[in-house]
PDB file of N, CA and C in Angstrom:
ATOM      1  N   UNK A   1       0.661  -1.152   0.022  1.00  0.00           N
ATOM      2  CA  UNK A   1       0.077   0.139  -0.023  1.00  0.00           C
ATOM      3  C   UNK A   1       0.980   1.336  -0.050  1.00  0.00           C
ATOM      4  N   UNK A   2       0.655   2.272  -0.813  1.00  0.00           N
ATOM      5  CA  UNK A   2       1.391   3.353  -0.938  1.00  0.00           C
ATOM      6  C   UNK A   2       0.463   4.538  -0.660  1.00  0.00           C
ATOM      7  N   UNK A   3       0.853   5.303   0.254  1.00  0.00           N
ATOM      8  CA  UNK A   3       0.097   6.427   0.760  1.00  0.00           C
ATOM      9  C   UNK A   3       0.724   7.707   0.710  1.00  0.00           C
ATOM     10  N   UNK A   4       0.069   8.632   0.045  1.00  0.00           N
ATOM     11  CA  UNK A   4       0.782   9.937  -0.268  1.00  0.00           C
ATOM     12  C   UNK A   4       0.029  11.183   0.641  1.00  0.00           C
ATOM     13  N   UNK A   5       0.912  11.713   1.359  1.00  0.00           N
ATOM     14  CA  UNK A   5       0.450  12.732   2.227  1.00  0.00           C
ATOM     15  C   UNK A   5       0.912  14.077   1.583  1.00  0.00           C
ATOM     16  N   UNK A   6       0.076  15.083   1.533  1.00  0.00           N
ATOM     17  CA  UNK A   6       0.269  16.400   0.770  1.00  0.00           C
ATOM     18  C   UNK A   6       0.032  17.444   1.731  1.00  0.00           C
ATOM     19  N   UNK A   7       0.984  18.471   1.687  1.00  0.00           N
ATOM     20  CA  UNK A   7       0.634  19.685   2.654  1.00  0.00           C
ATOM     21  C   UNK A   7       1.320  20.881   1.853  1.00  0.00           C
ATOM     22  N   UNK A   8       1.361  21.934   2.477  1.00  0.00           N
ATOM     23  CA  UNK A   8       1.754  23.235   1.821  1.00  0.00           C
ATOM     24  C   UNK A   8       3.267  22.927   1.122  1.00  0.00           C
ATOM     25  N   UNK A   9       4.264  22.606   2.050  1.00  0.00           N
ATOM     26  CA  UNK A   9       5.622  22.528   1.540  1.00  0.00           C
ATOM     27  C   UNK A   9       6.084  21.136   1.593  1.00  0.00           C
ATOM     28  N   UNK A  10       5.212  20.110   2.121  1.00  0.00           N
ATOM     29  CA  UNK A  10       5.924  18.928   2.389  1.00  0.00           C
ATOM     30  C   UNK A  10       6.648  18.641   3.635  1.00  0.00           C
ATOM     31  N   UNK A  11       6.800  19.703   4.369  1.00  0.00           N
ATOM     32  CA  UNK A  11       7.809  19.690   5.367  1.00  0.00           C
ATOM     33  C   UNK A  11       6.910  19.284   6.876  1.00  0.00           C
ATOM     34  N   UNK A  12       5.778  19.759   6.962  1.00  0.00           N
ATOM     35  CA  UNK A  12       5.085  19.536   8.187  1.00  0.00           C
ATOM     36  C   UNK A  12       4.586  18.211   8.429  1.00  0.00           C
ATOM     37  N   UNK A  13       4.537  17.561   7.345  1.00  0.00           N
ATOM     38  CA  UNK A  13       3.936  16.263   7.458  1.00  0.00           C
ATOM     39  C   UNK A  13       5.039  15.144   7.542  1.00  0.00           C
ATOM     40  N   UNK A  14       6.216  15.527   7.447  1.00  0.00           N
ATOM     41  CA  UNK A  14       7.457  14.384   7.712  1.00  0.00           C
ATOM     42  C   UNK A  14       7.246  13.766   9.119  1.00  0.00           C
ATOM     43  N   UNK A  15       6.948  14.682  10.169  1.00  0.00           N
ATOM     44  CA  UNK A  15       6.975  13.848  11.506  1.00  0.00           C
ATOM     45  C   UNK A  15       5.766  12.920  11.529  1.00  0.00           C
ATOM     46  N   UNK A  16       4.496  13.467  10.862  1.00  0.00           N
ATOM     47  CA  UNK A  16       3.594  12.463  10.801  1.00  0.00           C
ATOM     48  C   UNK A  16       3.797  11.281  10.114  1.00  0.00           C
ATOM     49  N   UNK A  17       4.494  11.292   8.943  1.00  0.00           N
ATOM     50  CA  UNK A  17       5.003  10.074   8.115  1.00  0.00           C
ATOM     51  C   UNK A  17       5.785   9.247   9.126  1.00  0.00           C
ATOM     52  N   UNK A  18       6.743   9.728   9.771  1.00  0.00           N
ATOM     53  CA  UNK A  18       7.462   8.780  10.959  1.00  0.00           C
ATOM     54  C   UNK A  18       6.591   8.157  11.762  1.00  0.00           C
ATOM     55  N   UNK A  19       5.494   8.974  12.210  1.00  0.00           N
ATOM     56  CA  UNK A  19       4.710   8.205  13.356  1.00  0.00           C
ATOM     57  C   UNK A  19       3.760   7.120  12.594  1.00  0.00           C
ATOM     58  N   UNK A  20       3.361   7.526  11.400  1.00  0.00           N
ATOM     59  CA  UNK A  20       2.685   6.340  10.600  1.00  0.00           C
ATOM     60  C   UNK A  20       3.445   5.130  10.443  1.00  0.00           C
ATOM     61  N   UNK A  21       4.673   5.314  10.140  1.00  0.00           N
ATOM     62  CA  UNK A  21       5.552   4.216   9.744  1.00  0.00           C
ATOM     63  C   UNK A  21       5.768   3.494  11.081  1.00  0.00           C
ATOM     64  N   UNK A  22       5.982   4.157  12.256  1.00  0.00           N
ATOM     65  CA  UNK A  22       5.944   3.434  13.593  1.00  0.00           C
ATOM     66  C   UNK A  22       4.729   2.522  13.781  1.00  0.00           C
ATOM     67  N   UNK A  23       3.528   3.150  13.467  1.00  0.00           N
ATOM     68  CA  UNK A  23       2.331   2.420  13.784  1.00  0.00           C
ATOM     69  C   UNK A  23       2.157   1.266  12.778  1.00  0.00           C
ATOM     70  N   UNK A  24       2.615   1.444  11.568  1.00  0.00           N
ATOM     71  CA  UNK A  24       2.729   0.428  10.508  1.00  0.00           C
ATOM     72  C   UNK A  24       3.599  -0.785  10.974  1.00  0.00           C
ATOM     73  N   UNK A  25       4.878  -0.553  11.448  1.00  0.00           N
ATOM     74  CA  UNK A  25       5.823  -1.550  12.005  1.00  0.00           C
ATOM     75  C   UNK A  25       5.148  -2.265  13.036  1.00  0.00           C
ATOM     76  N   UNK A  26       4.367  -1.609  14.001  1.00  0.00           N
ATOM     77  CA  UNK A  26       3.525  -2.251  15.083  1.00  0.00           C
ATOM     78  C   UNK A  26       2.635  -3.095  14.644  1.00  0.00           C
ATOM     79  N   UNK A  27       1.956  -2.900  13.583  1.00  0.00           N
ATOM     80  CA  UNK A  27       0.860  -3.794  12.955  1.00  0.00           C
ATOM     81  C   UNK A  27       1.511  -4.840  12.104  1.00  0.00           C
ATOM     82  N   UNK A  28       2.649  -4.590  11.778  1.00  0.00           N
ATOM     83  CA  UNK A  28       3.541  -5.311  10.739  1.00  0.00           C
ATOM     84  C   UNK A  28       2.667  -5.241   9.297  1.00  0.00           C
ATOM     85  N   UNK A  29       2.584  -4.016   8.990  1.00  0.00           N
ATOM     86  CA  UNK A  29       1.954  -3.670   7.690  1.00  0.00           C
ATOM     87  C   UNK A  29       3.056  -3.302   6.753  1.00  0.00           C
ATOM     88  N   UNK A  30       3.026  -3.793   5.536  1.00  0.00           N
ATOM     89  CA  UNK A  30       3.907  -3.456   4.462  1.00  0.00           C
ATOM     90  C   UNK A  30       3.312  -2.119   3.736  1.00  0.00           C
ATOM     91  N   UNK A  31       3.845  -0.851   4.061  1.00  0.00           N
ATOM     92  CA  UNK A  31       3.281   0.340   3.588  1.00  0.00           C
ATOM     93  C   UNK A  31       4.536   1.245   3.158  1.00  0.00           C
ATOM     94  N   UNK A  32       4.241   2.009   2.123  1.00  0.00           N
ATOM     95  CA  UNK A  32       5.220   3.101   1.654  1.00  0.00           C
ATOM     96  C   UNK A  32       4.460   4.383   1.948  1.00  0.00           C
ATOM     97  N   UNK A  33       5.003   5.241   2.766  1.00  0.00           N
ATOM     98  CA  UNK A  33       4.437   6.438   3.109  1.00  0.00           C
ATOM     99  C   UNK A  33       5.258   7.667   2.638  1.00  0.00           C
ATOM    100  N   UNK A  34       4.809   8.550   1.844  1.00  0.00           N
ATOM    101  CA  UNK A  34       5.651   9.762   1.606  1.00  0.00           C
ATOM    102  C   UNK A  34       4.771  10.997   1.789  1.00  0.00           C
ATOM    103  N   UNK A  35       5.590  12.067   2.042  1.00  0.00           N
ATOM    104  CA  UNK A  35       5.007  13.494   2.114  1.00  0.00           C
ATOM    105  C   UNK A  35       5.675  14.372   0.920  1.00  0.00           C
ATOM    106  N   UNK A  36       4.849  15.080   0.364  1.00  0.00           N
ATOM    107  CA  UNK A  36       5.241  15.998  -0.601  1.00  0.00           C
ATOM    108  C   UNK A  36       4.441  17.282  -0.613  1.00  0.00           C
ATOM    109  N   UNK A  37       4.976  18.386  -1.258  1.00  0.00           N
ATOM    110  CA  UNK A  37       4.172  19.557  -1.304  1.00  0.00           C
ATOM    111  C   UNK A  37       3.021  19.302  -2.309  1.00  0.00           C
ATOM    112  N   UNK A  38       1.876  20.106  -2.037  1.00  0.00           N
ATOM    113  CA  UNK A  38       0.687  20.030  -2.786  1.00  0.00           C
ATOM    114  C   UNK A  38       1.107  20.142  -4.231  1.00  0.00           C
ATOM    115  N   UNK A  39       2.031  21.079  -4.689  1.00  0.00           N
ATOM    116  CA  UNK A  39       2.323  21.364  -5.947  1.00  0.00           C
ATOM    117  C   UNK A  39       2.961  20.204  -6.604  1.00  0.00           C
ATOM    118  N   UNK A  40       3.394  19.170  -6.016  1.00  0.00           N
ATOM    119  CA  UNK A  40       3.986  17.951  -6.634  1.00  0.00           C
ATOM    120  C   UNK A  40       2.994  16.862  -6.501  1.00  0.00           C
ATOM    121  N   UNK A  41       1.792  17.087  -6.343  1.00  0.00           N
ATOM    122  CA  UNK A  41       0.919  16.097  -6.209  1.00  0.00           C
ATOM    123  C   UNK A  41       0.810  15.314  -7.631  1.00  0.00           C
ATOM    124  N   UNK A  42       0.863  16.019  -8.695  1.00  0.00           N
ATOM    125  CA  UNK A  42       0.673  15.458 -10.024  1.00  0.00           C
ATOM    126  C   UNK A  42       1.755  14.670 -10.347  1.00  0.00           C
ATOM    127  N   UNK A  43       2.970  14.793  -9.636  1.00  0.00           N
ATOM    128  CA  UNK A  43       4.144  13.896  -9.904  1.00  0.00           C
ATOM    129  C   UNK A  43       4.028  12.612  -9.116  1.00  0.00           C
ATOM    130  N   UNK A  44       3.545  12.567  -7.724  1.00  0.00           N
ATOM    131  CA  UNK A  44       3.321  11.496  -7.032  1.00  0.00           C
ATOM    132  C   UNK A  44       2.163  10.777  -6.820  1.00  0.00           C
ATOM    133  N   UNK A  45       0.990  11.329  -7.136  1.00  0.00           N
ATOM    134  CA  UNK A  45      -0.325  10.994  -6.897  1.00  0.00           C
ATOM    135  C   UNK A  45      -0.793   9.724  -7.756  1.00  0.00           C
ATOM    136  N   UNK A  46      -0.057   9.603  -9.010  1.00  0.00           N
ATOM    137  CA  UNK A  46      -0.315   8.606  -9.722  1.00  0.00           C
ATOM    138  C   UNK A  46       0.089   7.100  -9.247  1.00  0.00           C
ATOM    139  N   UNK A  47       1.041   7.216  -8.554  1.00  0.00           N
ATOM    140  CA  UNK A  47       1.514   5.950  -7.901  1.00  0.00           C
ATOM    141  C   UNK A  47       0.879   5.569  -6.592  1.00  0.00           C
ATOM    142  N   UNK A  48       0.408   6.474  -6.013  1.00  0.00           N
ATOM    143  CA  UNK A  48      -0.354   6.353  -4.581  1.00  0.00           C
ATOM    144  C   UNK A  48      -1.618   5.672  -4.721  1.00  0.00           C
ATOM    145  N   UNK A  49      -1.857   4.722  -3.541  1.00  0.00           N
ATOM    146  CA  UNK A  49      -3.117   4.012  -3.440  1.00  0.00           C
ATOM    147  C   UNK A  49      -4.017   5.032  -2.707  1.00  0.00           C
ATOM    148  N   UNK A  50      -3.666   5.835  -1.824  1.00  0.00           N
ATOM    149  CA  UNK A  50      -4.532   6.753  -1.033  1.00  0.00           C
ATOM    150  C   UNK A  50      -3.741   8.159  -1.045  1.00  0.00           C
ATOM    151  N   UNK A  51      -4.625   9.239  -1.041  1.00  0.00           N
ATOM    152  CA  UNK A  51      -3.941  10.502  -0.958  1.00  0.00           C
ATOM    153  C   UNK A  51      -4.584  11.184   0.134  1.00  0.00           C
ATOM    154  N   UNK A  52      -3.883  11.737   1.183  1.00  0.00           N
ATOM    155  CA  UNK A  52      -4.383  12.389   2.263  1.00  0.00           C
ATOM    156  C   UNK A  52      -3.715  13.837   2.253  1.00  0.00           C
ATOM    157  N   UNK A  53      -4.701  14.809   2.421  1.00  0.00           N
ATOM    158  CA  UNK A  53      -4.359  16.138   2.409  1.00  0.00           C
ATOM    159  C   UNK A  53      -4.199  16.702   3.887  1.00  0.00           C
ATOM    160  N   UNK A  54      -3.141  17.411   4.113  1.00  0.00           N
ATOM    161  CA  UNK A  54      -3.142  18.144   5.355  1.00  0.00           C
ATOM    162  C   UNK A  54      -4.234  19.265   5.614  1.00  0.00           C
ATOM    163  N   UNK A  55      -4.581  19.414   6.791  1.00  0.00           N
ATOM    164  CA  UNK A  55      -5.693  20.379   6.870  1.00  0.00           C
ATOM    165  C   UNK A  55      -5.510  21.744   6.265  1.00  0.00           C
ATOM    166  N   UNK A  56      -4.245  22.220   6.255  1.00  0.00           N
ATOM    167  CA  UNK A  56      -3.860  23.529   5.636  1.00  0.00           C
ATOM    168  C   UNK A  56      -4.093  23.570   4.080  1.00  0.00           C
ATOM    169  N   UNK A  57      -4.269  22.464   3.484  1.00  0.00           N
ATOM    170  CA  UNK A  57      -4.481  22.467   1.939  1.00  0.00           C
ATOM    171  C   UNK A  57      -5.790  21.709   1.738  1.00  0.00           C
ATOM    172  N   UNK A  58      -6.742  21.733   2.655  1.00  0.00           N
ATOM    173  CA  UNK A  58      -8.040  21.263   2.272  1.00  0.00           C
ATOM    174  C   UNK A  58      -8.859  21.855   1.365  1.00  0.00           C
ATOM    175  N   UNK A  59      -8.520  23.178   1.001  1.00  0.00           N
ATOM    176  CA  UNK A  59      -9.155  23.904   0.083  1.00  0.00           C
ATOM    177  C   UNK A  59      -8.943  23.529  -1.321  1.00  0.00           C
ATOM    178  N   UNK A  60      -7.871  22.663  -1.640  1.00  0.00           N
ATOM    179  CA  UNK A  60      -7.560  22.020  -2.845  1.00  0.00           C
ATOM    180  C   UNK A  60      -8.045  20.570  -2.993  1.00  0.00           C
ATOM    181  N   UNK A  61      -8.920  20.074  -2.132  1.00  0.00           N
ATOM    182  CA  UNK A  61      -9.404  18.835  -2.098  1.00  0.00           C
ATOM    183  C   UNK A  61     -10.220  18.505  -3.595  1.00  0.00           C
ATOM    184  N   UNK A  62     -11.030  19.615  -3.983  1.00  0.00           N
ATOM    185  CA  UNK A  62     -11.795  19.284  -5.217  1.00  0.00           C
ATOM    186  C   UNK A  62     -10.767  19.300  -6.375  1.00  0.00           C
ATOM    187  N   UNK A  63      -9.642  20.021  -6.450  1.00  0.00           N
ATOM    188  CA  UNK A  63      -8.802  19.936  -7.461  1.00  0.00           C
ATOM    189  C   UNK A  63      -8.080  18.735  -7.535  1.00  0.00           C
ATOM    190  N   UNK A  64      -7.493  18.205  -6.550  1.00  0.00           N
ATOM    191  CA  UNK A  64      -6.824  16.974  -6.408  1.00  0.00           C
ATOM    192  C   UNK A  64      -7.896  15.791  -6.733  1.00  0.00           C
ATOM    193  N   UNK A  65      -9.078  15.724  -6.386  1.00  0.00           N
ATOM    194  CA  UNK A  65      -9.920  14.951  -6.898  1.00  0.00           C
ATOM    195  C   UNK A  65     -10.366  14.738  -8.230  1.00  0.00           C
ATOM    196  N   UNK A  66     -10.261  16.019  -8.862  1.00  0.00           N
ATOM    197  CA  UNK A  66     -10.304  15.990 -10.386  1.00  0.00           C
ATOM    198  C   UNK A  66      -9.212  15.499 -11.153  1.00  0.00           C
ATOM    199  N   UNK A  67      -8.071  15.490 -10.462  1.00  0.00           N
ATOM    200  CA  UNK A  67      -6.785  14.903 -10.960  1.00  0.00           C
ATOM    201  C   UNK A  67      -6.760  13.392 -10.855  1.00  0.00           C
ATOM    202  N   UNK A  68      -7.229  13.075  -9.851  1.00  0.00           N
ATOM    203  CA  UNK A  68      -7.414  11.521  -9.532  1.00  0.00           C
ATOM    204  C   UNK A  68      -8.674  10.974  -9.081  1.00  0.00           C
ATOM    205  N   UNK A  69      -9.660  11.130  -9.945  1.00  0.00           N
ATOM    206  CA  UNK A  69     -10.958  10.604  -9.523  1.00  0.00           C
ATOM    207  C   UNK A  69     -11.069   9.173  -9.244  1.00  0.00           C
ATOM    208  N   UNK A  70     -10.032   8.249  -9.536  1.00  0.00           N
ATOM    209  CA  UNK A  70     -10.325   6.881  -9.256  1.00  0.00           C
ATOM    210  C   UNK A  70      -9.451   6.626  -7.908  1.00  0.00           C
ATOM    211  N   UNK A  71      -9.140   7.420  -7.258  1.00  0.00           N
ATOM    212  CA  UNK A  71      -8.246   7.211  -5.913  1.00  0.00           C
ATOM    213  C   UNK A  71      -8.930   7.631  -4.744  1.00  0.00           C
ATOM    214  N   UNK A  72      -8.932   7.065  -3.672  1.00  0.00           N
ATOM    215  CA  UNK A  72      -9.529   7.569  -2.324  1.00  0.00           C
ATOM    216  C   UNK A  72      -8.600   8.765  -1.899  1.00  0.00           C
ATOM    217  N   UNK A  73      -9.363   9.680  -1.603  1.00  0.00           N
ATOM    218  CA  UNK A  73      -8.747  11.001  -1.139  1.00  0.00           C
ATOM    219  C   UNK A  73      -9.549  11.542   0.059  1.00  0.00           C
ATOM    220  N   UNK A  74      -8.729  12.094   1.008  1.00  0.00           N
ATOM    221  CA  UNK A  74      -9.367  12.487   2.237  1.00  0.00           C
ATOM    222  C   UNK A  74      -8.484  13.741   2.874  1.00  0.00           C
ATOM    223  N   UNK A  75      -9.090  14.531   3.593  1.00  0.00           N
ATOM    224  CA  UNK A  75      -8.377  15.413   4.370  1.00  0.00           C
ATOM    225  C   UNK A  75      -8.214  14.999   5.694  1.00  0.00           C
ATOM    226  N   UNK A  76      -6.910  14.959   6.186  1.00  0.00           N
ATOM    227  CA  UNK A  76      -6.620  14.560   7.531  1.00  0.00           C
ATOM    228  C   UNK A  76      -7.402  15.396   8.518  1.00  0.00           C
ATOM    229  N   UNK A  77      -7.862  14.639   9.566  1.00  0.00           N
ATOM    230  CA  UNK A  77      -8.533  15.447  10.570  1.00  0.00           C
ATOM    231  C   UNK A  77      -7.749  16.277  11.340  1.00  0.00           C
ATOM    232  N   UNK A  78      -8.196  17.588  11.459  1.00  0.00           N
ATOM    233  CA  UNK A  78      -7.161  18.604  12.136  1.00  0.00           C
ATOM    234  C   UNK A  78      -6.559  18.271  13.497  1.00  0.00           C
ATOM    235  N   UNK A  79      -7.435  17.625  14.381  1.00  0.00           N
ATOM    236  CA  UNK A  79      -6.880  17.185  15.561  1.00  0.00           C
ATOM    237  C   UNK A  79      -6.003  16.173  15.525  1.00  0.00           C
ATOM    238  N   UNK A  80      -6.088  15.036  14.554  1.00  0.00           N
ATOM    239  CA  UNK A  80      -5.217  14.043  14.440  1.00  0.00           C
ATOM    240  C   UNK A  80      -3.828  14.569  13.791  1.00  0.00           C
ATOM    241  N   UNK A  81      -3.992  15.469  12.994  1.00  0.00           N
ATOM    242  CA  UNK A  81      -2.801  16.211  12.286  1.00  0.00           C
ATOM    243  C   UNK A  81      -2.014  17.050  13.451  1.00  0.00           C
ATOM    244  N   UNK A  82      -2.803  17.919  14.106  1.00  0.00           N
ATOM    245  CA  UNK A  82      -2.049  18.566  15.172  1.00  0.00           C
ATOM    246  C   UNK A  82      -1.412  17.898  16.240  1.00  0.00           C
ATOM    247  N   UNK A  83      -1.967  16.681  16.626  1.00  0.00           N
ATOM    248  CA  UNK A  83      -1.317  15.750  17.547  1.00  0.00           C
ATOM    249  C   UNK A  83      -0.381  14.823  17.013  1.00  0.00           C
ATOM    250  N   UNK A  84      -0.324  14.844  15.673  1.00  0.00           N
ATOM    251  CA  UNK A  84       0.539  13.890  14.953  1.00  0.00           C
ATOM    252  C   UNK A  84       0.440  12.505  15.372  1.00  0.00           C
ATOM    253  N   UNK A  85      -1.039  12.105  15.276  1.00  0.00           N
ATOM    254  CA  UNK A  85      -1.554  10.883  15.558  1.00  0.00           C
ATOM    255  C   UNK A  85      -1.526   9.821  14.452  1.00  0.00           C
ATOM    256  N   UNK A  86      -0.119   9.443  14.298  1.00  0.00           N
ATOM    257  CA  UNK A  86       0.168   8.635  13.113  1.00  0.00           C
ATOM    258  C   UNK A  86      -0.848   7.301  13.055  1.00  0.00           C
ATOM    259  N   UNK A  87      -0.983   6.737  14.161  1.00  0.00           N
ATOM    260  CA  UNK A  87      -1.816   5.517  14.285  1.00  0.00           C
ATOM    261  C   UNK A  87      -3.339   5.775  13.724  1.00  0.00           C
ATOM    262  N   UNK A  88      -3.747   6.842  14.150  1.00  0.00           N
ATOM    263  CA  UNK A  88      -5.164   7.185  13.539  1.00  0.00           C
ATOM    264  C   UNK A  88      -5.119   7.430  12.187  1.00  0.00           C
ATOM    265  N   UNK A  89      -4.133   8.407  11.590  1.00  0.00           N
ATOM    266  CA  UNK A  89      -4.058   8.738  10.341  1.00  0.00           C
ATOM    267  C   UNK A  89      -3.977   7.427   9.429  1.00  0.00           C
ATOM    268  N   UNK A  90      -3.131   6.448   9.886  1.00  0.00           N
ATOM    269  CA  UNK A  90      -2.780   5.343   9.067  1.00  0.00           C
ATOM    270  C   UNK A  90      -4.182   4.331   9.053  1.00  0.00           C
ATOM    271  N   UNK A  91      -4.913   4.268  10.183  1.00  0.00           N
ATOM    272  CA  UNK A  91      -6.074   3.672  10.142  1.00  0.00           C
ATOM    273  C   UNK A  91      -7.120   4.319   9.180  1.00  0.00           C
ATOM    274  N   UNK A  92      -7.135   5.662   9.214  1.00  0.00           N
ATOM    275  CA  UNK A  92      -7.955   6.263   8.139  1.00  0.00           C
ATOM    276  C   UNK A  92      -7.688   6.019   6.678  1.00  0.00           C
ATOM    277  N   UNK A  93      -6.385   5.893   6.485  1.00  0.00           N
ATOM    278  CA  UNK A  93      -5.832   5.588   5.122  1.00  0.00           C
ATOM    279  C   UNK A  93      -6.488   4.038   4.740  1.00  0.00           C
ATOM    280  N   UNK A  94      -6.171   3.231   5.784  1.00  0.00           N
ATOM    281  CA  UNK A  94      -6.492   1.794   5.468  1.00  0.00           C
ATOM    282  C   UNK A  94      -8.105   1.542   5.360  1.00  0.00           C
ATOM    283  N   UNK A  95      -8.920   2.486   6.033  1.00  0.00           N
ATOM    284  CA  UNK A  95     -10.351   2.543   5.883  1.00  0.00           C
ATOM    285  C   UNK A  95     -10.853   2.969   4.766  1.00  0.00           C
ATOM    286  N   UNK A  96     -10.066   3.933   4.124  1.00  0.00           N
ATOM    287  CA  UNK A  96     -10.554   4.479   2.860  1.00  0.00           C
ATOM    288  C   UNK A  96     -10.259   3.460   1.753  1.00  0.00           C
ATOM    289  N   UNK A  97      -9.098   2.774   1.815  1.00  0.00           N
ATOM    290  CA  UNK A  97      -8.801   1.682   0.761  1.00  0.00           C
ATOM    291  C   UNK A  97      -9.903   0.637   0.912  1.00  0.00           C
ATOM    292  N   UNK A  98     -10.204   0.230   1.996  1.00  0.00           N
ATOM    293  CA  UNK A  98     -11.202  -0.809   2.275  1.00  0.00           C
ATOM    294  C   UNK A  98     -12.526  -0.507   1.695  1.00  0.00           C
ATOM    295  N   UNK A  99     -12.979   0.757   1.903  1.00  0.00           N
ATOM    296  CA  UNK A  99     -14.145   1.308   1.484  1.00  0.00           C
ATOM    297  C   UNK A  99     -14.288   1.268  -0.235  1.00  0.00           C
ATOM    298  N   UNK A 100     -13.034   1.481  -0.840  1.00  0.00           N
ATOM    299  CA  UNK A 100     -13.053   1.424  -2.229  1.00  0.00           C
ATOM    300  C   UNK A 100     -13.231   0.161  -2.921  1.00  0.00           C
ATOM    301  N   UNK A 101     -12.867  -0.921  -2.104  1.00  0.00           N
ATOM    302  CA  UNK A 101     -12.895  -2.362  -2.634  1.00  0.00           C
ATOM    303  C   UNK A 101     -14.398  -2.850  -2.788  1.00  0.00           C
TER     304      UNK A 101
END
């Protein structure tokens, strides 16, 4: 499973990626999680199974959906993002994929 997190500059989500990777290791899940700036979504979104947007770029959700209408896309909950709750965000990504099946 490949998860793409996008935010304003790709920097603020790096800690969240680390926390998500920790949660994935605990669950023994094989995941590839990357964070990139919203401007690079067109470069990395094609390979992703799930695209999660940081709350600060939620206004771009419709645009991203128009680019990747075949992929599950969601905005990360502001509370989970602020608390860097990698476990919860990972669970959200997995739930989005299951919903698509």
